[in-house]
């Protein structure tokens, strides 16, 4: 028997319950992990609320990230040993391979032996945010040391990871946040510049910072009407990567700006990286190197014990955090 988190209906954090269930032996291509820490993601909140692309079948498990110790190996698994310290690269099916639990089975393709300098909490906080940021900024935008990148909703874990990924190639980061309340914290986390969009004119400020050129890359999880404003702050032949839809409103397509500047606007999903063996291998190499040498350093906002899973996800939904929320098992 193992304690796992499940929910039997859609709703707020109150629907999450810790239950004792039997966890099957790992399948031929899976690894069983005794979990030490769990990283929380907004996608899990959306899944629990029935607002995610994947739909739950009750009772449902959930969770994308974790780190722990290898406890058992499927018959076809190679390259791992019992007792290895490992972390989980999010799968495409959190209901089937949910990570909120004491024991989990994960496909070996999504398991990594992380650098020894990481704690389990740091390891559990790494893969979703760094792969998401790496895939957008390095693989697709081809970010270089000559570039400015605008990172919207910058206090999220992906936002903070984007600072570090950008700095790894020498790019400059312009972080956006709604008010000045998080300005100093974002600067401390690595942003080169911070714009409070409710207090400052985004376009004017970006143009001043970039000496009139604009930012070649925009990485945005909000969408909605703000996209039109972001395009005005972009450089010619720039690229805007949209990786979320936090705004409930539909924006107007800024056709004149897009045409006038020859811009690329692209929807971007984490799955684009993990579905492709070659890209996933490149991501692993880049991220493991960065984690090992310290250029990538997971920022943990707050930790909670496993028994407080409801409070942990409520804190995630509060938007008070800067960085990652981790549950210790």
C-alpha atoms as a PDB file:
ATOM      1  CA  UNK A   1       0.000   0.000   0.000  1.00  0.00           C
ATOM      2  CA  UNK A   2       1.066   3.558  -0.687  1.00  0.00           C
ATOM      3  CA  UNK A   3      -0.374   6.942   0.187  1.00  0.00           C
ATOM      4  CA  UNK A   4      -1.291   8.857  -2.966  1.00  0.00           C
ATOM      5  CA  UNK A   5      -3.316  11.964  -3.748  1.00  0.00           C
ATOM      6  CA  UNK A   6      -6.514  11.438  -5.739  1.00  0.00           C
ATOM      7  CA  UNK A   7      -9.671  13.399  -6.493  1.00  0.00           C
ATOM      8  CA  UNK A   8     -13.145  12.044  -7.216  1.00  0.00           C
ATOM      9  CA  UNK A   9     -14.728  15.194  -8.639  1.00  0.00           C
ATOM     10  CA  UNK A  10     -13.669  18.496 -10.159  1.00  0.00           C
ATOM     11  CA  UNK A  11     -13.337  21.464  -7.847  1.00  0.00           C
ATOM     12  CA  UNK A  12     -11.051  23.532  -5.645  1.00  0.00           C
ATOM     13  CA  UNK A  13      -8.226  22.205  -3.489  1.00  0.00           C
ATOM     14  CA  UNK A  14     -10.710  20.602  -1.067  1.00  0.00           C
ATOM     15  CA  UNK A  15     -11.337  17.762  -3.556  1.00  0.00           C
ATOM     16  CA  UNK A  16      -7.757  16.500  -3.125  1.00  0.00           C
ATOM     17  CA  UNK A  17      -7.539  13.550  -0.721  1.00  0.00           C
ATOM     18  CA  UNK A  18      -4.668  11.361   0.461  1.00  0.00           C
ATOM     19  CA  UNK A  19      -5.710   7.720   0.081  1.00  0.00           C
ATOM     20  CA  UNK A  20      -4.079   4.331   0.615  1.00  0.00           C
ATOM     21  CA  UNK A  21      -3.973   2.287  -2.580  1.00  0.00           C
ATOM     22  CA  UNK A  22      -2.032  -0.647  -4.012  1.00  0.00           C
ATOM     23  CA  UNK A  23       0.579   0.501  -6.536  1.00  0.00           C
ATOM     24  CA  UNK A  24       1.182  -2.082  -9.256  1.00  0.00           C
ATOM     25  CA  UNK A  25       4.711  -3.318 -10.032  1.00  0.00           C
ATOM     26  CA  UNK A  26       6.434  -1.259 -12.724  1.00  0.00           C
ATOM     27  CA  UNK A  27       5.651  -2.201 -16.322  1.00  0.00           C
ATOM     28  CA  UNK A  28       8.489  -3.431 -18.543  1.00  0.00           C
ATOM     29  CA  UNK A  29       9.531   0.102 -19.511  1.00  0.00           C
ATOM     30  CA  UNK A  30       8.861   1.766 -16.143  1.00  0.00           C
ATOM     31  CA  UNK A  31      10.790   2.627 -12.995  1.00  0.00           C
ATOM     32  CA  UNK A  32       9.265   2.596  -9.525  1.00  0.00           C
ATOM     33  CA  UNK A  33      10.365   5.589  -7.449  1.00  0.00           C
ATOM     34  CA  UNK A  34      10.067   6.097  -3.710  1.00  0.00           C
ATOM     35  CA  UNK A  35       9.222   9.800  -3.757  1.00  0.00           C
ATOM     36  CA  UNK A  36      11.099  12.310  -1.615  1.00  0.00           C
ATOM     37  CA  UNK A  37       9.734  15.559  -3.095  1.00  0.00           C
ATOM     38  CA  UNK A  38       7.040  16.738  -5.529  1.00  0.00           C
ATOM     39  CA  UNK A  39       7.097  19.871  -7.687  1.00  0.00           C
ATOM     40  CA  UNK A  40       3.745  21.595  -8.214  1.00  0.00           C
ATOM     41  CA  UNK A  41       2.566  23.078 -11.529  1.00  0.00           C
ATOM     42  CA  UNK A  42      -0.348  25.254 -12.630  1.00  0.00           C
ATOM     43  CA  UNK A  43      -1.337  22.600 -15.164  1.00  0.00           C
ATOM     44  CA  UNK A  44      -2.310  20.362 -12.248  1.00  0.00           C
ATOM     45  CA  UNK A  45      -4.665  23.034 -10.926  1.00  0.00           C
ATOM     46  CA  UNK A  46      -6.277  23.331 -14.363  1.00  0.00           C
ATOM     47  CA  UNK A  47      -6.579  19.528 -14.580  1.00  0.00           C
ATOM     48  CA  UNK A  48      -8.279  19.405 -11.170  1.00  0.00           C
ATOM     49  CA  UNK A  49     -10.691  22.142 -12.264  1.00  0.00           C
ATOM     50  CA  UNK A  50     -11.567  20.497 -15.600  1.00  0.00           C
ATOM     51  CA  UNK A  51      -9.891  23.357 -17.491  1.00  0.00           C
ATOM     52  CA  UNK A  52      -7.014  21.366 -18.995  1.00  0.00           C
ATOM     53  CA  UNK A  53      -6.527  19.680 -22.345  1.00  0.00           C
ATOM     54  CA  UNK A  54      -6.391  16.284 -20.600  1.00  0.00           C
ATOM     55  CA  UNK A  55      -9.609  15.157 -18.906  1.00  0.00           C
ATOM     56  CA  UNK A  56      -9.757  13.204 -15.673  1.00  0.00           C
ATOM     57  CA  UNK A  57     -11.512   9.846 -15.213  1.00  0.00           C
ATOM     58  CA  UNK A  58     -12.425   9.381 -11.571  1.00  0.00           C
ATOM     59  CA  UNK A  59     -10.909   8.582  -9.205  1.00  0.00           C
ATOM     60  CA  UNK A  60      -7.946  10.360 -10.744  1.00  0.00           C
ATOM     61  CA  UNK A  61      -4.333  10.817  -9.744  1.00  0.00           C
ATOM     62  CA  UNK A  62      -2.378  13.893 -10.792  1.00  0.00           C
ATOM     63  CA  UNK A  63       1.073  15.437 -10.812  1.00  0.00           C
ATOM     64  CA  UNK A  64       3.903  15.985 -13.274  1.00  0.00           C
ATOM     65  CA  UNK A  65       7.146  16.284 -11.276  1.00  0.00           C
ATOM     66  CA  UNK A  66       8.899  14.416  -8.488  1.00  0.00           C
ATOM     67  CA  UNK A  67      12.278  13.238  -7.262  1.00  0.00           C
ATOM     68  CA  UNK A  68      13.251  10.253  -5.178  1.00  0.00           C
ATOM     69  CA  UNK A  69      15.028   6.897  -5.024  1.00  0.00           C
ATOM     70  CA  UNK A  70      14.734   4.055  -7.531  1.00  0.00           C
ATOM     71  CA  UNK A  71      12.980   1.168  -5.785  1.00  0.00           C
ATOM     72  CA  UNK A  72      12.278  -1.252  -8.665  1.00  0.00           C
ATOM     73  CA  UNK A  73      12.973  -1.585 -12.391  1.00  0.00           C
ATOM     74  CA  UNK A  74      10.829  -2.914 -15.213  1.00  0.00           C
ATOM     75  CA  UNK A  75      12.191  -5.874 -17.161  1.00  0.00           C
ATOM     76  CA  UNK A  76      13.297  -3.794 -20.159  1.00  0.00           C
ATOM     77  CA  UNK A  77      14.877  -0.896 -18.249  1.00  0.00           C
ATOM     78  CA  UNK A  78      18.624  -0.346 -18.518  1.00  0.00           C
ATOM     79  CA  UNK A  79      20.946   2.385 -17.326  1.00  0.00           C
ATOM     80  CA  UNK A  80      19.464   2.621 -13.814  1.00  0.00           C
ATOM     81  CA  UNK A  81      20.079   0.762 -10.575  1.00  0.00           C
ATOM     82  CA  UNK A  82      18.143   0.266  -7.367  1.00  0.00           C
ATOM     83  CA  UNK A  83      19.025   3.132  -5.033  1.00  0.00           C
ATOM     84  CA  UNK A  84      19.747   5.730  -7.744  1.00  0.00           C
ATOM     85  CA  UNK A  85      18.669   9.288  -6.949  1.00  0.00           C
ATOM     86  CA  UNK A  86      16.414  10.356  -9.815  1.00  0.00           C
ATOM     87  CA  UNK A  87      13.954  13.020 -10.901  1.00  0.00           C
ATOM     88  CA  UNK A  88      10.980  12.958 -13.264  1.00  0.00           C
ATOM     89  CA  UNK A  89      10.597  14.711 -16.595  1.00  0.00           C
ATOM     90  CA  UNK A  90       6.823  15.309 -16.889  1.00  0.00           C
ATOM     91  CA  UNK A  91       4.961  12.720 -18.934  1.00  0.00           C
ATOM     92  CA  UNK A  92       2.023  13.406 -21.235  1.00  0.00           C
ATOM     93  CA  UNK A  93      -0.525  11.683 -18.967  1.00  0.00           C
ATOM     94  CA  UNK A  94      -0.570  12.861 -15.358  1.00  0.00           C
ATOM     95  CA  UNK A  95      -3.578  10.697 -14.532  1.00  0.00           C
ATOM     96  CA  UNK A  96      -1.769   7.513 -15.542  1.00  0.00           C
ATOM     97  CA  UNK A  97       1.644   8.515 -14.194  1.00  0.00           C
ATOM     98  CA  UNK A  98       0.662  10.934 -11.446  1.00  0.00           C
ATOM     99  CA  UNK A  99       3.490  12.011  -9.160  1.00  0.00           C
ATOM    100  CA  UNK A 100       1.504  13.048  -6.064  1.00  0.00           C
ATOM    101  CA  UNK A 101       2.268   9.972  -3.980  1.00  0.00           C
ATOM    102  CA  UNK A 102       4.773   8.045  -1.906  1.00  0.00           C
ATOM    103  CA  UNK A 103       5.363   5.434  -4.630  1.00  0.00           C
ATOM    104  CA  UNK A 104       5.082   6.130  -8.364  1.00  0.00           C
ATOM    105  CA  UNK A 105       5.785   4.260 -11.595  1.00  0.00           C
ATOM    106  CA  UNK A 106       7.237   6.393 -14.409  1.00  0.00           C
ATOM    107  CA  UNK A 107       8.399   5.455 -17.935  1.00  0.00           C
ATOM    108  CA  UNK A 108      12.193   5.208 -17.944  1.00  0.00           C
ATOM    109  CA  UNK A 109      12.348   7.697 -20.838  1.00  0.00           C
ATOM    110  CA  UNK A 110      11.080  10.335 -18.398  1.00  0.00           C
ATOM    111  CA  UNK A 111      13.473   9.538 -15.544  1.00  0.00           C
ATOM    112  CA  UNK A 112      16.841  11.247 -15.102  1.00  0.00           C
ATOM    113  CA  UNK A 113      19.728  10.681 -12.713  1.00  0.00           C
ATOM    114  CA  UNK A 114      20.175  14.271 -11.611  1.00  0.00           C
ATOM    115  CA  UNK A 115      23.469  15.843 -10.450  1.00  0.00           C
ATOM    116  CA  UNK A 116      24.524  14.993  -6.913  1.00  0.00           C
ATOM    117  CA  UNK A 117      24.727  18.665  -5.929  1.00  0.00           C
ATOM    118  CA  UNK A 118      20.914  18.956  -6.055  1.00  0.00           C
ATOM    119  CA  UNK A 119      18.642  18.287  -3.110  1.00  0.00           C
ATOM    120  CA  UNK A 120      15.530  16.239  -3.810  1.00  0.00           C
ATOM    121  CA  UNK A 121      13.474  19.412  -3.488  1.00  0.00           C
ATOM    122  CA  UNK A 122      15.591  21.166  -6.131  1.00  0.00           C
ATOM    123  CA  UNK A 123      15.499  18.147  -8.418  1.00  0.00           C
ATOM    124  CA  UNK A 124      11.700  17.949  -8.161  1.00  0.00           C
ATOM    125  CA  UNK A 125      11.539  21.645  -9.055  1.00  0.00           C
ATOM    126  CA  UNK A 126      13.608  21.463 -12.223  1.00  0.00           C
ATOM    127  CA  UNK A 127      12.289  19.693 -15.253  1.00  0.00           C
ATOM    128  CA  UNK A 128       8.972  21.228 -16.253  1.00  0.00           C
ATOM    129  CA  UNK A 129      10.245  24.788 -15.989  1.00  0.00           C
ATOM    130  CA  UNK A 130      13.661  24.286 -17.551  1.00  0.00           C
ATOM    131  CA  UNK A 131      12.468  22.168 -20.470  1.00  0.00           C
ATOM    132  CA  UNK A 132       9.651  24.622 -21.152  1.00  0.00           C
ATOM    133  CA  UNK A 133      12.022  27.593 -21.121  1.00  0.00           C
ATOM    134  CA  UNK A 134      14.828  25.830 -23.006  1.00  0.00           C
ATOM    135  CA  UNK A 135      12.525  24.603 -25.762  1.00  0.00           C
ATOM    136  CA  UNK A 136      11.087  28.051 -26.375  1.00  0.00           C
ATOM    137  CA  UNK A 137      14.157  30.243 -25.985  1.00  0.00           C
ATOM    138  CA  UNK A 138      16.963  28.032 -27.265  1.00  0.00           C
ATOM    139  CA  UNK A 139      15.390  25.450 -29.564  1.00  0.00           C
ATOM    140  CA  UNK A 140      12.768  27.642 -31.219  1.00  0.00           C
ATOM    141  CA  UNK A 141      13.739  31.299 -30.773  1.00  0.00           C
ATOM    142  CA  UNK A 142      17.487  30.613 -31.164  1.00  0.00           C
ATOM    143  CA  UNK A 143      18.214  33.190 -28.458  1.00  0.00           C
ATOM    144  CA  UNK A 144      21.700  34.730 -28.596  1.00  0.00           C
ATOM    145  CA  UNK A 145      23.844  37.166 -26.647  1.00  0.00           C
ATOM    146  CA  UNK A 146      22.671  39.961 -28.961  1.00  0.00           C
ATOM    147  CA  UNK A 147      19.034  39.598 -27.924  1.00  0.00           C
ATOM    148  CA  UNK A 148      16.613  41.100 -25.461  1.00  0.00           C
ATOM    149  CA  UNK A 149      13.786  38.784 -24.369  1.00  0.00           C
ATOM    150  CA  UNK A 150      10.555  39.909 -22.701  1.00  0.00           C
ATOM    151  CA  UNK A 151       9.385  37.373 -20.112  1.00  0.00           C
ATOM    152  CA  UNK A 152       5.751  37.921 -19.085  1.00  0.00           C
ATOM    153  CA  UNK A 153       4.245  36.797 -15.760  1.00  0.00           C
ATOM    154  CA  UNK A 154       7.856  36.589 -14.725  1.00  0.00           C
ATOM    155  CA  UNK A 155       7.432  35.487 -11.102  1.00  0.00           C
ATOM    156  CA  UNK A 156       6.309  32.001 -12.132  1.00  0.00           C
ATOM    157  CA  UNK A 157       8.749  29.106 -11.986  1.00  0.00           C
ATOM    158  CA  UNK A 158       8.980  29.075 -15.798  1.00  0.00           C
ATOM    159  CA  UNK A 159       9.605  32.821 -15.744  1.00  0.00           C
ATOM    160  CA  UNK A 160      12.505  32.489 -13.307  1.00  0.00           C
ATOM    161  CA  UNK A 161      13.881  29.540 -15.286  1.00  0.00           C
ATOM    162  CA  UNK A 162      13.751  31.730 -18.401  1.00  0.00           C
ATOM    163  CA  UNK A 163      16.053  34.275 -16.751  1.00  0.00           C
ATOM    164  CA  UNK A 164      18.666  31.594 -16.165  1.00  0.00           C
ATOM    165  CA  UNK A 165      18.323  30.023 -19.610  1.00  0.00           C
ATOM    166  CA  UNK A 166      18.645  33.453 -21.249  1.00  0.00           C
ATOM    167  CA  UNK A 167      21.699  34.360 -19.178  1.00  0.00           C
ATOM    168  CA  UNK A 168      23.313  31.024 -20.065  1.00  0.00           C
ATOM    169  CA  UNK A 169      23.601  32.315 -23.653  1.00  0.00           C
ATOM    170  CA  UNK A 170      24.259  35.942 -22.692  1.00  0.00           C
ATOM    171  CA  UNK A 171      20.847  37.450 -23.546  1.00  0.00           C
ATOM    172  CA  UNK A 172      19.235  40.302 -21.584  1.00  0.00           C
ATOM    173  CA  UNK A 173      15.923  39.756 -19.767  1.00  0.00           C
ATOM    174  CA  UNK A 174      13.081  42.254 -19.483  1.00  0.00           C
ATOM    175  CA  UNK A 175      10.652  40.821 -16.931  1.00  0.00           C
ATOM    176  CA  UNK A 176       7.067  42.006 -16.707  1.00  0.00           C
ATOM    177  CA  UNK A 177       4.810  41.913 -13.672  1.00  0.00           C
ATOM    178  CA  UNK A 178       1.547  43.707 -12.928  1.00  0.00           C
ATOM    179  CA  UNK A 179       2.716  45.963 -10.058  1.00  0.00           C
ATOM    180  CA  UNK A 180       6.003  46.953  -8.436  1.00  0.00           C
ATOM    181  CA  UNK A 181       5.424  44.629  -5.458  1.00  0.00           C
ATOM    182  CA  UNK A 182       7.672  41.920  -6.905  1.00  0.00           C
ATOM    183  CA  UNK A 183      10.166  44.207  -8.648  1.00  0.00           C
ATOM    184  CA  UNK A 184      13.094  43.740  -6.266  1.00  0.00           C
ATOM    185  CA  UNK A 185      12.485  40.010  -5.917  1.00  0.00           C
ATOM    186  CA  UNK A 186      12.570  39.623  -9.708  1.00  0.00           C
ATOM    187  CA  UNK A 187      15.784  41.630  -9.934  1.00  0.00           C
ATOM    188  CA  UNK A 188      17.252  39.458  -7.191  1.00  0.00           C
ATOM    189  CA  UNK A 189      16.164  36.379  -9.163  1.00  0.00           C
ATOM    190  CA  UNK A 190      18.112  37.529 -12.205  1.00  0.00           C
ATOM    191  CA  UNK A 191      15.980  39.850 -14.321  1.00  0.00           C
ATOM    192  CA  UNK A 192      18.052  42.583 -15.946  1.00  0.00           C
ATOM    193  CA  UNK A 193      15.064  44.944 -16.060  1.00  0.00           C
ATOM    194  CA  UNK A 194      11.541  44.813 -14.587  1.00  0.00           C
ATOM    195  CA  UNK A 195       8.473  46.586 -15.977  1.00  0.00           C
ATOM    196  CA  UNK A 196       5.327  46.913 -13.836  1.00  0.00           C
ATOM    197  CA  UNK A 197       2.714  46.957 -16.589  1.00  0.00           C
ATOM    198  CA  UNK A 198      -0.010  48.575 -14.458  1.00  0.00           C
ATOM    199  CA  UNK A 199       2.306  51.459 -13.593  1.00  0.00           C
ATOM    200  CA  UNK A 200       4.560  51.923 -16.627  1.00  0.00           C
ATOM    201  CA  UNK A 201       4.104  52.041 -20.393  1.00  0.00           C
ATOM    202  CA  UNK A 202       5.491  48.735 -21.642  1.00  0.00           C
ATOM    203  CA  UNK A 203       6.249  49.797 -25.192  1.00  0.00           C
ATOM    204  CA  UNK A 204       7.946  53.074 -24.270  1.00  0.00           C
ATOM    205  CA  UNK A 205      10.088  51.422 -21.610  1.00  0.00           C
ATOM    206  CA  UNK A 206      11.160  48.500 -23.804  1.00  0.00           C
ATOM    207  CA  UNK A 207      12.094  50.807 -26.650  1.00  0.00           C
ATOM    208  CA  UNK A 208      14.186  52.928 -24.294  1.00  0.00           C
ATOM    209  CA  UNK A 209      15.975  49.879 -22.903  1.00  0.00           C
ATOM    210  CA  UNK A 210      16.692  48.495 -26.377  1.00  0.00           C
ATOM    211  CA  UNK A 211      17.663  51.861 -27.930  1.00  0.00           C
ATOM    212  CA  UNK A 212      14.637  51.810 -30.200  1.00  0.00           C
ATOM    213  CA  UNK A 213      15.081  48.306 -31.599  1.00  0.00           C
ATOM    214  CA  UNK A 214      12.576  46.395 -29.462  1.00  0.00           C
ATOM    215  CA  UNK A 215      12.898  42.888 -28.075  1.00  0.00           C
ATOM    216  CA  UNK A 216      13.449  40.152 -30.647  1.00  0.00           C
ATOM    217  CA  UNK A 217      11.919  37.446 -28.428  1.00  0.00           C
ATOM    218  CA  UNK A 218       8.795  37.456 -26.257  1.00  0.00           C
ATOM    219  CA  UNK A 219       7.884  34.513 -24.005  1.00  0.00           C
ATOM    220  CA  UNK A 220       4.317  34.904 -22.765  1.00  0.00           C
ATOM    221  CA  UNK A 221       1.838  32.686 -20.843  1.00  0.00           C
ATOM    222  CA  UNK A 222      -0.989  35.230 -20.632  1.00  0.00           C
ATOM    223  CA  UNK A 223      -2.355  35.852 -24.125  1.00  0.00           C
ATOM    224  CA  UNK A 224      -5.524  37.883 -24.597  1.00  0.00           C
ATOM    225  CA  UNK A 225      -5.463  41.623 -25.382  1.00  0.00           C
ATOM    226  CA  UNK A 226      -1.898  42.038 -24.095  1.00  0.00           C
ATOM    227  CA  UNK A 227      -0.475  40.264 -27.151  1.00  0.00           C
ATOM    228  CA  UNK A 228      -1.150  43.327 -29.295  1.00  0.00           C
ATOM    229  CA  UNK A 229       0.813  45.498 -26.846  1.00  0.00           C
ATOM    230  CA  UNK A 230       3.687  43.036 -26.726  1.00  0.00           C
ATOM    231  CA  UNK A 231       4.023  43.021 -30.518  1.00  0.00           C
ATOM    232  CA  UNK A 232       4.452  46.806 -30.465  1.00  0.00           C
ATOM    233  CA  UNK A 233       7.469  46.319 -28.166  1.00  0.00           C
ATOM    234  CA  UNK A 234       9.104  43.763 -30.469  1.00  0.00           C
ATOM    235  CA  UNK A 235      11.977  44.113 -32.892  1.00  0.00           C
ATOM    236  CA  UNK A 236      11.636  43.515 -36.625  1.00  0.00           C
ATOM    237  CA  UNK A 237      11.538  39.804 -37.512  1.00  0.00           C
ATOM    238  CA  UNK A 238      10.983  38.974 -33.862  1.00  0.00           C
ATOM    239  CA  UNK A 239       9.208  35.921 -32.494  1.00  0.00           C
ATOM    240  CA  UNK A 240       6.506  35.751 -29.807  1.00  0.00           C
ATOM    241  CA  UNK A 241       6.060  32.339 -28.202  1.00  0.00           C
ATOM    242  CA  UNK A 242       2.697  31.894 -26.473  1.00  0.00           C
ATOM    243  CA  UNK A 243       2.807  29.029 -23.966  1.00  0.00           C
ATOM    244  CA  UNK A 244      -0.321  29.653 -21.900  1.00  0.00           C
ATOM    245  CA  UNK A 245      -3.741  31.233 -21.770  1.00  0.00           C
ATOM    246  CA  UNK A 246      -3.981  32.856 -18.353  1.00  0.00           C
ATOM    247  CA  UNK A 247      -6.122  35.654 -19.759  1.00  0.00           C
ATOM    248  CA  UNK A 248      -9.833  34.745 -19.983  1.00  0.00           C
ATOM    249  CA  UNK A 249     -10.271  37.217 -22.851  1.00  0.00           C
ATOM    250  CA  UNK A 250      -9.649  36.846 -26.552  1.00  0.00           C
ATOM    251  CA  UNK A 251      -7.341  39.467 -27.983  1.00  0.00           C
ATOM    252  CA  UNK A 252      -7.506  41.188 -31.360  1.00  0.00           C
ATOM    253  CA  UNK A 253      -4.963  39.896 -33.864  1.00  0.00           C
ATOM    254  CA  UNK A 254      -2.472  42.763 -34.416  1.00  0.00           C
ATOM    255  CA  UNK A 255      -2.170  42.257 -38.155  1.00  0.00           C
ATOM    256  CA  UNK A 256      -0.627  45.616 -39.012  1.00  0.00           C
ATOM    257  CA  UNK A 257       2.169  45.253 -36.461  1.00  0.00           C
ATOM    258  CA  UNK A 258       2.767  41.633 -37.429  1.00  0.00           C
ATOM    259  CA  UNK A 259       2.949  42.509 -41.112  1.00  0.00           C
ATOM    260  CA  UNK A 260       4.912  45.724 -40.649  1.00  0.00           C
ATOM    261  CA  UNK A 261       7.592  44.043 -38.543  1.00  0.00           C
ATOM    262  CA  UNK A 262       7.500  40.582 -40.215  1.00  0.00           C
ATOM    263  CA  UNK A 263       6.793  39.008 -36.828  1.00  0.00           C
ATOM    264  CA  UNK A 264       6.266  35.352 -35.996  1.00  0.00           C
ATOM    265  CA  UNK A 265       3.550  34.524 -33.431  1.00  0.00           C
ATOM    266  CA  UNK A 266       3.665  30.874 -32.413  1.00  0.00           C
ATOM    267  CA  UNK A 267       1.746  28.727 -29.990  1.00  0.00           C
ATOM    268  CA  UNK A 268       4.216  26.629 -28.019  1.00  0.00           C
ATOM    269  CA  UNK A 269       3.644  23.502 -25.936  1.00  0.00           C
ATOM    270  CA  UNK A 270       5.990  21.601 -23.653  1.00  0.00           C
ATOM    271  CA  UNK A 271       5.014  18.422 -25.534  1.00  0.00           C
ATOM    272  CA  UNK A 272       6.814  19.663 -28.635  1.00  0.00           C
ATOM    273  CA  UNK A 273      10.060  18.894 -26.824  1.00  0.00           C
ATOM    274  CA  UNK A 274       9.238  15.688 -24.965  1.00  0.00           C
ATOM    275  CA  UNK A 275       7.544  14.100 -27.999  1.00  0.00           C
ATOM    276  CA  UNK A 276      10.772  14.327 -30.005  1.00  0.00           C
ATOM    277  CA  UNK A 277      13.615  12.025 -28.954  1.00  0.00           C
ATOM    278  CA  UNK A 278      16.347  14.219 -30.429  1.00  0.00           C
ATOM    279  CA  UNK A 279      15.059  17.452 -28.901  1.00  0.00           C
ATOM    280  CA  UNK A 280      14.523  15.781 -25.536  1.00  0.00           C
ATOM    281  CA  UNK A 281      18.093  14.489 -25.616  1.00  0.00           C
ATOM    282  CA  UNK A 282      19.397  17.994 -26.351  1.00  0.00           C
ATOM    283  CA  UNK A 283      17.277  19.408 -23.544  1.00  0.00           C
ATOM    284  CA  UNK A 284      18.593  16.830 -21.073  1.00  0.00           C
ATOM    285  CA  UNK A 285      22.189  17.595 -22.039  1.00  0.00           C
ATOM    286  CA  UNK A 286      21.784  21.375 -21.688  1.00  0.00           C
ATOM    287  CA  UNK A 287      19.823  21.232 -18.434  1.00  0.00           C
ATOM    288  CA  UNK A 288      21.927  18.567 -16.713  1.00  0.00           C
ATOM    289  CA  UNK A 289      25.050  20.548 -17.572  1.00  0.00           C
ATOM    290  CA  UNK A 290      23.519  23.750 -16.192  1.00  0.00           C
ATOM    291  CA  UNK A 291      22.267  22.070 -13.037  1.00  0.00           C
ATOM    292  CA  UNK A 292      25.671  20.515 -12.498  1.00  0.00           C
ATOM    293  CA  UNK A 293      27.701  23.698 -12.931  1.00  0.00           C
ATOM    294  CA  UNK A 294      25.225  25.928 -11.090  1.00  0.00           C
ATOM    295  CA  UNK A 295      24.226  28.171 -13.995  1.00  0.00           C
ATOM    296  CA  UNK A 296      20.741  26.697 -13.592  1.00  0.00           C
ATOM    297  CA  UNK A 297      19.679  26.935  -9.965  1.00  0.00           C
ATOM    298  CA  UNK A 298      16.047  26.080  -9.127  1.00  0.00           C
ATOM    299  CA  UNK A 299      14.444  28.814  -7.040  1.00  0.00           C
ATOM    300  CA  UNK A 300      12.081  27.336  -4.448  1.00  0.00           C
ATOM    301  CA  UNK A 301       9.458  29.700  -3.105  1.00  0.00           C
ATOM    302  CA  UNK A 302       8.089  27.515  -0.312  1.00  0.00           C
ATOM    303  CA  UNK A 303       7.875  23.890   0.782  1.00  0.00           C
ATOM    304  CA  UNK A 304       4.964  22.030   2.382  1.00  0.00           C
ATOM    305  CA  UNK A 305       4.704  18.571   3.991  1.00  0.00           C
ATOM    306  CA  UNK A 306       2.798  15.917   2.052  1.00  0.00           C
ATOM    307  CA  UNK A 307      -0.119  15.986   4.487  1.00  0.00           C
ATOM    308  CA  UNK A 308      -0.663  19.660   3.557  1.00  0.00           C
ATOM    309  CA  UNK A 309      -1.155  19.049  -0.158  1.00  0.00           C
ATOM    310  CA  UNK A 310      -4.354  21.111  -0.141  1.00  0.00           C
ATOM    311  CA  UNK A 311      -2.612  24.110   1.406  1.00  0.00           C
ATOM    312  CA  UNK A 312       0.310  23.740  -1.004  1.00  0.00           C
ATOM    313  CA  UNK A 313      -1.933  23.941  -4.047  1.00  0.00           C
ATOM    314  CA  UNK A 314      -3.901  26.834  -2.530  1.00  0.00           C
ATOM    315  CA  UNK A 315      -0.630  28.729  -2.192  1.00  0.00           C
ATOM    316  CA  UNK A 316       0.149  27.946  -5.830  1.00  0.00           C
ATOM    317  CA  UNK A 317      -3.222  29.419  -6.838  1.00  0.00           C
ATOM    318  CA  UNK A 318      -2.652  32.537  -4.725  1.00  0.00           C
ATOM    319  CA  UNK A 319       0.046  33.770  -7.124  1.00  0.00           C
ATOM    320  CA  UNK A 320       2.065  34.991  -4.138  1.00  0.00           C
ATOM    321  CA  UNK A 321       5.100  32.854  -4.919  1.00  0.00           C
ATOM    322  CA  UNK A 322       8.260  33.699  -6.790  1.00  0.00           C
ATOM    323  CA  UNK A 323       9.672  30.434  -8.060  1.00  0.00           C
ATOM    324  CA  UNK A 324       8.614  26.849  -7.414  1.00  0.00           C
ATOM    325  CA  UNK A 325       6.403  25.294  -4.734  1.00  0.00           C
ATOM    326  CA  UNK A 326       7.579  21.885  -3.529  1.00  0.00           C
ATOM    327  CA  UNK A 327       5.899  19.245  -1.368  1.00  0.00           C
ATOM    328  CA  UNK A 328       8.162  17.119   0.832  1.00  0.00           C
ATOM    329  CA  UNK A 329       7.065  13.492   1.183  1.00  0.00           C
END
